[in-house]
């Protein structure tokens, strides 16, 4: 009879140890992925706030140089969209002697999902051209989607809201 209690006690103890180990393992994984998610958020936020002024600024005098500076921040179909958009914008920017200087006034992480982060940016664009007197400010709200490419966060989409 004593052997039966001993086996039962050992079995109960083994089950309790397994349950506790599973719970601790689950918490460890959740904490680890939470820390990873937070690190990804910070890294993507840093990358996005650095990329936005470069992507959304241009100067007719150095237009091609500005476009070239933006390319390393871009990836995927957005890189092609950006190239197409800037190519069609160049003639107008030159004709109007347009200068647009973008600045991020605020930024926040909207969503983190693996290697994909959405940011909300409050983006002010200070613009001058021959069609306006002085400088005008456009206050834009932009959602940037960043994806991890070879360990770096790059802009894969941008949409105004």
N, C-alpha and C. Protein backbone atom coordinates (compact mmCIF):
# COMPACT_ATOMS: atom_id res chain seq x y z
N UNK A 1 0.80 -1.16 0.00
CA UNK A 1 0.00 0.00 0.00
C UNK A 1 0.86 1.25 0.00
N UNK A 2 1.93 1.20 0.81
CA UNK A 2 2.84 2.32 0.86
C UNK A 2 3.46 2.58 -0.50
N UNK A 3 3.76 1.56 -1.25
CA UNK A 3 4.34 1.70 -2.58
C UNK A 3 3.35 2.38 -3.51
N UNK A 4 2.04 2.09 -3.33
CA UNK A 4 1.02 2.73 -4.15
C UNK A 4 0.99 4.23 -3.89
N UNK A 5 1.03 4.62 -2.60
CA UNK A 5 1.04 6.05 -2.27
C UNK A 5 2.32 6.71 -2.77
N UNK A 6 3.40 6.00 -2.69
CA UNK A 6 4.67 6.54 -3.15
C UNK A 6 4.64 6.78 -4.65
N UNK A 7 4.10 5.82 -5.41
CA UNK A 7 4.00 5.99 -6.86
C UNK A 7 3.04 7.12 -7.21
N UNK A 8 1.90 7.15 -6.51
CA UNK A 8 0.91 8.18 -6.77
C UNK A 8 1.49 9.56 -6.44
N UNK A 9 2.19 9.64 -5.33
CA UNK A 9 2.83 10.90 -4.92
C UNK A 9 3.87 11.34 -5.93
N UNK A 10 4.64 10.40 -6.42
CA UNK A 10 5.65 10.70 -7.43
C UNK A 10 5.00 11.17 -8.72
N UNK A 11 3.91 10.49 -9.10
CA UNK A 11 3.18 10.86 -10.31
C UNK A 11 2.59 12.28 -10.17
N UNK A 12 1.96 12.56 -9.02
CA UNK A 12 1.38 13.89 -8.79
C UNK A 12 2.49 14.94 -8.80
N UNK A 13 3.59 14.65 -8.16
CA UNK A 13 4.71 15.59 -8.13
C UNK A 13 5.25 15.83 -9.54
N UNK A 14 5.35 14.79 -10.34
CA UNK A 14 5.83 14.93 -11.72
C UNK A 14 4.87 15.79 -12.54
N UNK A 15 3.56 15.58 -12.37
CA UNK A 15 2.57 16.37 -13.10
C UNK A 15 2.66 17.84 -12.67
N UNK A 16 2.78 18.09 -11.38
CA UNK A 16 2.90 19.47 -10.88
C UNK A 16 4.16 20.12 -11.44
N UNK A 17 5.26 19.42 -11.45
CA UNK A 17 6.51 19.96 -12.00
C UNK A 17 6.34 20.29 -13.48
N UNK A 18 5.69 19.41 -14.24
CA UNK A 18 5.47 19.67 -15.66
C UNK A 18 4.57 20.89 -15.87
N UNK A 19 3.52 21.01 -15.09
CA UNK A 19 2.61 22.16 -15.20
C UNK A 19 3.34 23.46 -14.88
N UNK A 20 4.10 23.46 -13.81
CA UNK A 20 4.87 24.65 -13.43
C UNK A 20 5.90 24.98 -14.50
N UNK A 21 6.58 23.96 -15.00
CA UNK A 21 7.58 24.19 -16.05
C UNK A 21 6.93 24.77 -17.30
N UNK A 22 5.76 24.26 -17.68
CA UNK A 22 5.05 24.79 -18.86
C UNK A 22 4.65 26.24 -18.63
N UNK A 23 4.16 26.55 -17.44
CA UNK A 23 3.75 27.93 -17.13
C UNK A 23 4.95 28.87 -17.16
N UNK A 24 6.04 28.46 -16.55
CA UNK A 24 7.25 29.29 -16.55
C UNK A 24 7.78 29.45 -17.97
N UNK A 25 7.77 28.38 -18.74
CA UNK A 25 8.22 28.45 -20.14
C UNK A 25 7.35 29.40 -20.95
N UNK A 26 6.03 29.31 -20.75
CA UNK A 26 5.12 30.23 -21.45
C UNK A 26 5.38 31.67 -21.10
N UNK A 27 5.57 31.95 -19.81
CA UNK A 27 5.88 33.32 -19.39
C UNK A 27 7.21 33.78 -19.96
N UNK A 28 8.19 32.90 -19.99
CA UNK A 28 9.49 33.26 -20.53
C UNK A 28 9.37 33.62 -22.02
N UNK A 29 8.64 32.79 -22.76
CA UNK A 29 8.45 33.07 -24.19
C UNK A 29 7.69 34.37 -24.40
N UNK A 30 6.65 34.59 -23.62
CA UNK A 30 5.86 35.81 -23.76
C UNK A 30 6.69 37.04 -23.40
N UNK A 31 7.46 36.96 -22.34
CA UNK A 31 8.31 38.07 -21.94
C UNK A 31 9.39 38.30 -22.99
N UNK A 32 9.97 37.23 -23.51
CA UNK A 32 11.00 37.36 -24.54
C UNK A 32 10.45 37.99 -25.80
N UNK A 33 9.27 37.55 -26.25
CA UNK A 33 8.70 38.13 -27.47
C UNK A 33 8.22 39.54 -27.21
N UNK A 34 7.77 39.83 -25.99
CA UNK A 34 7.39 41.20 -25.65
C UNK A 34 8.59 42.12 -25.70
N UNK A 35 9.71 41.65 -25.19
CA UNK A 35 10.93 42.46 -25.23
C UNK A 35 11.39 42.63 -26.67
N UNK A 36 11.27 41.55 -27.46
CA UNK A 36 11.62 41.65 -28.88
C UNK A 36 10.71 42.64 -29.58
N UNK A 37 9.41 42.56 -29.29
CA UNK A 37 8.44 43.48 -29.90
C UNK A 37 8.74 44.92 -29.54
N UNK A 38 9.12 45.14 -28.29
CA UNK A 38 9.45 46.50 -27.86
C UNK A 38 10.74 46.98 -28.53
N UNK A 39 11.72 46.11 -28.65
CA UNK A 39 12.96 46.48 -29.33
C UNK A 39 12.70 46.75 -30.81
N UNK A 40 11.85 45.92 -31.43
CA UNK A 40 11.48 46.15 -32.83
C UNK A 40 10.76 47.48 -32.99
N UNK A 41 9.85 47.77 -32.05
CA UNK A 41 9.12 49.04 -32.10
C UNK A 41 10.07 50.22 -32.06
N UNK A 42 11.00 50.18 -31.13
CA UNK A 42 11.97 51.29 -31.00
C UNK A 42 12.84 51.41 -32.25
N UNK A 43 13.31 50.29 -32.75
CA UNK A 43 14.18 50.31 -33.93
C UNK A 43 13.43 50.82 -35.16
N UNK A 44 12.20 50.34 -35.34
CA UNK A 44 11.40 50.79 -36.49
C UNK A 44 11.03 52.26 -36.35
N UNK A 45 10.71 52.69 -35.15
CA UNK A 45 10.36 54.10 -34.91
C UNK A 45 11.56 54.99 -35.22
N UNK A 46 12.73 54.59 -34.80
CA UNK A 46 13.95 55.34 -35.09
C UNK A 46 14.19 55.39 -36.60
N UNK A 47 14.07 54.25 -37.25
CA UNK A 47 14.29 54.19 -38.71
C UNK A 47 13.25 55.02 -39.46
N UNK A 48 11.99 54.91 -39.06
CA UNK A 48 10.92 55.63 -39.75
C UNK A 48 11.02 57.14 -39.59
N UNK A 49 11.37 57.59 -38.38
CA UNK A 49 11.49 59.04 -38.17
C UNK A 49 12.73 59.59 -38.86
N UNK A 50 13.73 58.77 -39.08
CA UNK A 50 14.90 59.21 -39.85
C UNK A 50 14.60 59.22 -41.35
N UNK A 51 13.82 58.24 -41.80
CA UNK A 51 13.52 58.11 -43.23
C UNK A 51 12.55 59.18 -43.73
N UNK A 52 11.54 59.49 -42.95
CA UNK A 52 10.46 60.37 -43.41
C UNK A 52 10.94 61.74 -43.91
N UNK A 53 11.80 62.45 -43.19
CA UNK A 53 12.24 63.75 -43.72
C UNK A 53 12.99 63.62 -45.05
N UNK A 54 13.71 62.54 -45.23
CA UNK A 54 14.45 62.33 -46.47
C UNK A 54 13.49 62.00 -47.61
N UNK A 55 12.53 61.13 -47.34
CA UNK A 55 11.58 60.69 -48.36
C UNK A 55 10.65 61.82 -48.80
N UNK A 56 10.19 62.61 -47.84
CA UNK A 56 9.15 63.60 -48.13
C UNK A 56 9.68 65.02 -48.31
N UNK A 57 10.97 65.18 -48.48
CA UNK A 57 11.57 66.49 -48.75
C UNK A 57 12.18 66.47 -50.14
N UNK A 58 12.23 67.66 -50.77
CA UNK A 58 12.96 67.78 -52.03
C UNK A 58 13.30 69.25 -52.27
N UNK A 59 14.32 69.44 -53.09
CA UNK A 59 14.77 70.77 -53.48
C UNK A 59 15.06 70.71 -54.97
N UNK A 60 14.44 71.57 -55.72
CA UNK A 60 14.59 71.53 -57.18
C UNK A 60 16.06 71.63 -57.62
N UNK A 61 16.90 72.28 -56.82
CA UNK A 61 18.31 72.47 -57.19
C UNK A 61 19.13 71.19 -57.03
N UNK A 62 18.69 70.32 -56.13
CA UNK A 62 19.42 69.08 -55.86
C UNK A 62 18.47 67.88 -55.89
N UNK A 63 17.51 67.93 -56.79
CA UNK A 63 16.43 66.95 -56.81
C UNK A 63 16.94 65.51 -56.92
N UNK A 64 17.79 65.25 -57.88
CA UNK A 64 18.29 63.87 -58.09
C UNK A 64 19.08 63.36 -56.89
N UNK A 65 19.85 64.24 -56.28
CA UNK A 65 20.62 63.85 -55.10
C UNK A 65 19.68 63.49 -53.95
N UNK A 66 18.62 64.27 -53.78
CA UNK A 66 17.63 63.98 -52.74
C UNK A 66 16.95 62.64 -52.95
N UNK A 67 16.57 62.37 -54.19
CA UNK A 67 15.93 61.08 -54.51
C UNK A 67 16.91 59.94 -54.23
N UNK A 68 18.15 60.12 -54.61
CA UNK A 68 19.16 59.07 -54.36
C UNK A 68 19.35 58.83 -52.86
N UNK A 69 19.27 59.88 -52.05
CA UNK A 69 19.42 59.72 -50.60
C UNK A 69 18.25 58.94 -50.00
N UNK A 70 17.09 59.03 -50.62
CA UNK A 70 15.91 58.33 -50.09
C UNK A 70 15.93 56.84 -50.39
N UNK A 71 16.56 56.44 -51.48
CA UNK A 71 16.51 55.04 -51.93
C UNK A 71 16.92 54.01 -50.87
N UNK A 72 17.96 54.25 -50.08
CA UNK A 72 18.34 53.23 -49.08
C UNK A 72 17.28 52.99 -48.00
N UNK A 73 16.35 53.91 -47.84
CA UNK A 73 15.30 53.77 -46.84
C UNK A 73 14.10 52.96 -47.35
N UNK A 74 14.06 52.66 -48.63
CA UNK A 74 12.87 52.09 -49.27
C UNK A 74 13.08 50.64 -49.66
N UNK A 75 11.95 49.93 -49.79
CA UNK A 75 12.01 48.54 -50.23
C UNK A 75 10.71 48.15 -50.94
N UNK A 76 10.78 47.06 -51.66
CA UNK A 76 9.59 46.47 -52.28
C UNK A 76 8.95 47.37 -53.32
N UNK A 77 7.64 47.22 -53.44
CA UNK A 77 6.91 47.98 -54.45
C UNK A 77 6.91 49.48 -54.14
N UNK A 78 7.08 49.83 -52.86
CA UNK A 78 7.11 51.25 -52.53
C UNK A 78 8.34 51.93 -53.14
N UNK A 79 9.44 51.23 -53.25
CA UNK A 79 10.63 51.81 -53.89
C UNK A 79 10.32 52.16 -55.34
N UNK A 80 9.59 51.31 -56.02
CA UNK A 80 9.20 51.58 -57.41
C UNK A 80 8.20 52.74 -57.48
N UNK A 81 7.21 52.74 -56.59
CA UNK A 81 6.23 53.84 -56.54
C UNK A 81 6.93 55.17 -56.30
N UNK A 82 7.88 55.18 -55.38
CA UNK A 82 8.63 56.39 -55.06
C UNK A 82 9.41 56.87 -56.29
N UNK A 83 10.07 55.96 -56.97
CA UNK A 83 10.83 56.31 -58.16
C UNK A 83 9.91 56.89 -59.24
N UNK A 84 8.76 56.27 -59.44
CA UNK A 84 7.81 56.77 -60.44
C UNK A 84 7.27 58.15 -60.06
N UNK A 85 6.92 58.31 -58.79
CA UNK A 85 6.35 59.58 -58.32
C UNK A 85 7.37 60.71 -58.43
N UNK A 86 8.58 60.46 -57.98
CA UNK A 86 9.59 61.52 -58.04
C UNK A 86 9.98 61.83 -59.48
N UNK A 87 9.99 60.85 -60.35
CA UNK A 87 10.30 61.10 -61.76
C UNK A 87 9.27 62.04 -62.39
N UNK A 88 7.99 61.83 -62.05
CA UNK A 88 6.95 62.70 -62.61
C UNK A 88 6.91 64.06 -61.91
N UNK A 89 7.42 64.16 -60.72
CA UNK A 89 7.42 65.41 -59.96
C UNK A 89 8.57 66.34 -60.34
N UNK A 90 9.65 65.79 -60.84
CA UNK A 90 10.87 66.57 -61.07
C UNK A 90 10.65 67.78 -61.98
N UNK A 91 9.97 67.63 -63.09
CA UNK A 91 9.77 68.74 -64.02
C UNK A 91 8.99 69.88 -63.37
N UNK A 92 7.94 69.53 -62.63
CA UNK A 92 7.14 70.56 -61.95
C UNK A 92 7.94 71.24 -60.85
N UNK A 93 8.68 70.46 -60.09
CA UNK A 93 9.50 71.02 -59.01
C UNK A 93 10.52 71.99 -59.58
N UNK A 94 11.13 71.65 -60.69
CA UNK A 94 12.13 72.51 -61.31
C UNK A 94 11.47 73.77 -61.88
N UNK A 95 10.37 73.60 -62.57
CA UNK A 95 9.68 74.75 -63.17
C UNK A 95 9.22 75.74 -62.10
N UNK A 96 8.72 75.24 -60.98
CA UNK A 96 8.19 76.10 -59.92
C UNK A 96 9.25 76.46 -58.88
N UNK A 97 10.48 75.97 -59.07
CA UNK A 97 11.57 76.19 -58.11
C UNK A 97 11.11 75.81 -56.70
N UNK A 98 10.57 74.62 -56.61
CA UNK A 98 9.97 74.15 -55.36
C UNK A 98 11.01 73.58 -54.40
N UNK A 99 10.84 73.97 -53.16
CA UNK A 99 11.65 73.43 -52.06
C UNK A 99 10.67 73.00 -50.98
N UNK A 100 10.74 71.73 -50.61
CA UNK A 100 9.89 71.18 -49.56
C UNK A 100 10.79 70.55 -48.51
N UNK A 101 10.65 71.01 -47.29
CA UNK A 101 11.43 70.47 -46.19
C UNK A 101 10.47 69.81 -45.20
N UNK A 102 10.57 68.50 -45.06
CA UNK A 102 9.68 67.75 -44.16
C UNK A 102 10.34 67.55 -42.80
N UNK A 103 9.51 67.66 -41.77
CA UNK A 103 9.96 67.41 -40.40
C UNK A 103 8.90 66.60 -39.67
N UNK A 104 9.35 65.61 -38.95
CA UNK A 104 8.44 64.81 -38.13
C UNK A 104 8.23 65.55 -36.81
N UNK A 105 6.97 65.89 -36.53
CA UNK A 105 6.70 66.59 -35.26
C UNK A 105 6.29 65.62 -34.16
N UNK A 106 5.78 64.46 -34.53
CA UNK A 106 5.42 63.43 -33.54
C UNK A 106 5.32 62.09 -34.28
N UNK A 107 5.57 61.02 -33.54
CA UNK A 107 5.51 59.69 -34.15
C UNK A 107 5.11 58.68 -33.09
N UNK A 108 4.41 57.64 -33.54
CA UNK A 108 3.97 56.60 -32.63
C UNK A 108 3.88 55.27 -33.37
N UNK A 109 4.09 54.21 -32.64
CA UNK A 109 3.93 52.87 -33.19
C UNK A 109 2.44 52.51 -33.12
N UNK A 110 1.89 52.09 -34.24
CA UNK A 110 0.48 51.69 -34.30
C UNK A 110 0.35 50.19 -34.13
N UNK A 111 1.22 49.43 -34.81
CA UNK A 111 1.12 47.98 -34.77
C UNK A 111 2.49 47.35 -35.00
N UNK A 112 2.75 46.28 -34.27
CA UNK A 112 3.94 45.47 -34.47
C UNK A 112 3.48 44.05 -34.73
N UNK A 113 3.88 43.48 -35.85
CA UNK A 113 3.51 42.11 -36.18
C UNK A 113 4.70 41.44 -36.84
N UNK A 114 5.51 40.78 -36.04
CA UNK A 114 6.70 40.11 -36.58
C UNK A 114 7.67 41.10 -37.18
N UNK A 115 7.95 40.93 -38.46
CA UNK A 115 8.90 41.80 -39.15
C UNK A 115 8.21 42.95 -39.87
N UNK A 116 7.09 43.41 -39.31
CA UNK A 116 6.29 44.45 -39.93
C UNK A 116 5.82 45.40 -38.83
N UNK A 117 6.07 46.70 -39.01
CA UNK A 117 5.68 47.71 -38.03
C UNK A 117 5.00 48.86 -38.76
N UNK A 118 3.84 49.28 -38.25
CA UNK A 118 3.15 50.45 -38.77
C UNK A 118 3.38 51.61 -37.81
N UNK A 119 3.75 52.75 -38.38
CA UNK A 119 3.96 53.97 -37.59
C UNK A 119 2.98 55.04 -38.03
N UNK A 120 2.55 55.86 -37.09
CA UNK A 120 1.78 57.05 -37.42
C UNK A 120 2.70 58.24 -37.20
N UNK A 121 2.89 59.02 -38.26
CA UNK A 121 3.77 60.20 -38.18
C UNK A 121 2.96 61.46 -38.40
N UNK A 122 3.20 62.45 -37.57
CA UNK A 122 2.71 63.80 -37.81
C UNK A 122 3.87 64.49 -38.53
N UNK A 123 3.62 64.83 -39.78
CA UNK A 123 4.68 65.30 -40.65
C UNK A 123 4.34 66.70 -41.16
N UNK A 124 5.18 67.66 -40.84
CA UNK A 124 5.01 69.01 -41.35
C UNK A 124 5.92 69.18 -42.56
N UNK A 125 5.34 69.71 -43.64
CA UNK A 125 6.13 70.00 -44.83
C UNK A 125 6.12 71.51 -45.06
N UNK A 126 7.29 72.11 -44.93
CA UNK A 126 7.46 73.54 -45.15
C UNK A 126 7.82 73.71 -46.62
N UNK A 127 7.00 74.45 -47.36
CA UNK A 127 7.22 74.54 -48.80
C UNK A 127 7.28 75.98 -49.28
N UNK A 128 8.16 76.14 -50.28
CA UNK A 128 8.31 77.42 -50.98
C UNK A 128 8.37 77.10 -52.47
N UNK A 129 7.74 77.98 -53.28
CA UNK A 129 7.87 77.87 -54.73
C UNK A 129 7.43 79.19 -55.35
N UNK A 130 7.53 79.28 -56.64
CA UNK A 130 7.23 80.55 -57.32
C UNK A 130 5.75 80.87 -57.34
N UNK A 131 4.88 79.94 -56.99
CA UNK A 131 3.44 80.17 -57.00
C UNK A 131 2.88 80.71 -55.69
N UNK A 132 3.70 80.74 -54.65
CA UNK A 132 3.23 81.23 -53.36
C UNK A 132 4.20 82.28 -52.83
N UNK A 133 3.69 83.15 -51.99
CA UNK A 133 4.59 84.13 -51.36
C UNK A 133 4.94 83.60 -49.97
N UNK A 134 6.19 83.68 -49.66
CA UNK A 134 6.65 83.18 -48.36
C UNK A 134 6.68 81.67 -48.30
N UNK A 135 6.52 81.18 -47.10
CA UNK A 135 6.57 79.74 -46.86
C UNK A 135 5.23 79.27 -46.34
N UNK A 136 4.78 78.14 -46.82
CA UNK A 136 3.52 77.52 -46.36
C UNK A 136 3.87 76.23 -45.64
N UNK A 137 3.00 75.87 -44.71
CA UNK A 137 3.19 74.63 -43.98
C UNK A 137 2.00 73.71 -44.22
N UNK A 138 2.29 72.52 -44.68
CA UNK A 138 1.27 71.48 -44.81
C UNK A 138 1.46 70.52 -43.64
N UNK A 139 0.40 70.35 -42.87
CA UNK A 139 0.46 69.43 -41.74
C UNK A 139 -0.19 68.11 -42.17
N UNK A 140 0.64 67.11 -42.32
CA UNK A 140 0.18 65.82 -42.83
C UNK A 140 0.24 64.75 -41.74
N UNK A 141 -0.60 63.76 -41.89
CA UNK A 141 -0.58 62.58 -41.05
C UNK A 141 -0.33 61.41 -41.99
N UNK A 142 0.72 60.66 -41.70
CA UNK A 142 1.15 59.60 -42.61
C UNK A 142 1.33 58.30 -41.83
N UNK A 143 0.84 57.21 -42.40
CA UNK A 143 1.13 55.89 -41.85
C UNK A 143 2.24 55.29 -42.69
N UNK A 144 3.36 55.02 -42.05
CA UNK A 144 4.48 54.35 -42.72
C UNK A 144 4.48 52.89 -42.28
N UNK A 145 4.62 52.00 -43.23
CA UNK A 145 4.79 50.59 -42.93
C UNK A 145 6.26 50.27 -43.15
N UNK A 146 6.88 49.72 -42.14
CA UNK A 146 8.28 49.33 -42.24
C UNK A 146 8.37 47.82 -42.11
N UNK A 147 9.29 47.24 -42.87
CA UNK A 147 9.57 45.81 -42.78
C UNK A 147 11.07 45.63 -42.57
N UNK A 148 11.39 44.51 -41.92
CA UNK A 148 12.80 44.22 -41.68
C UNK A 148 13.37 43.55 -42.92
N UNK A 149 14.45 44.12 -43.46
CA UNK A 149 15.13 43.59 -44.63
C UNK A 149 16.60 43.45 -44.26
N UNK A 150 17.08 42.24 -44.22
CA UNK A 150 18.48 41.98 -43.85
C UNK A 150 18.87 42.69 -42.57
N UNK A 151 17.98 42.65 -41.58
CA UNK A 151 18.27 43.22 -40.27
C UNK A 151 18.02 44.72 -40.15
N UNK A 152 17.62 45.38 -41.23
CA UNK A 152 17.34 46.82 -41.18
C UNK A 152 15.87 47.07 -41.45
N UNK A 153 15.34 48.12 -40.86
CA UNK A 153 13.95 48.50 -41.07
C UNK A 153 13.87 49.46 -42.26
N UNK A 154 13.03 49.09 -43.23
CA UNK A 154 12.87 49.88 -44.45
C UNK A 154 11.39 50.16 -44.70
N UNK A 155 11.12 51.30 -45.35
CA UNK A 155 9.74 51.70 -45.63
C UNK A 155 9.24 50.89 -46.83
N UNK A 156 8.12 50.19 -46.61
CA UNK A 156 7.53 49.39 -47.68
C UNK A 156 6.19 49.96 -48.15
N UNK A 157 5.67 50.95 -47.41
CA UNK A 157 4.42 51.60 -47.83
C UNK A 157 4.27 52.91 -47.05
N UNK A 158 3.56 53.83 -47.68
CA UNK A 158 3.23 55.11 -47.04
C UNK A 158 1.84 55.52 -47.50
N UNK A 159 1.03 55.94 -46.55
CA UNK A 159 -0.30 56.43 -46.94
C UNK A 159 -0.69 57.60 -46.06
N UNK A 160 -1.21 58.62 -46.70
CA UNK A 160 -1.70 59.80 -45.99
C UNK A 160 -3.06 59.47 -45.40
N UNK A 161 -3.30 60.00 -44.21
CA UNK A 161 -4.64 59.81 -43.62
C UNK A 161 -5.24 61.17 -43.30
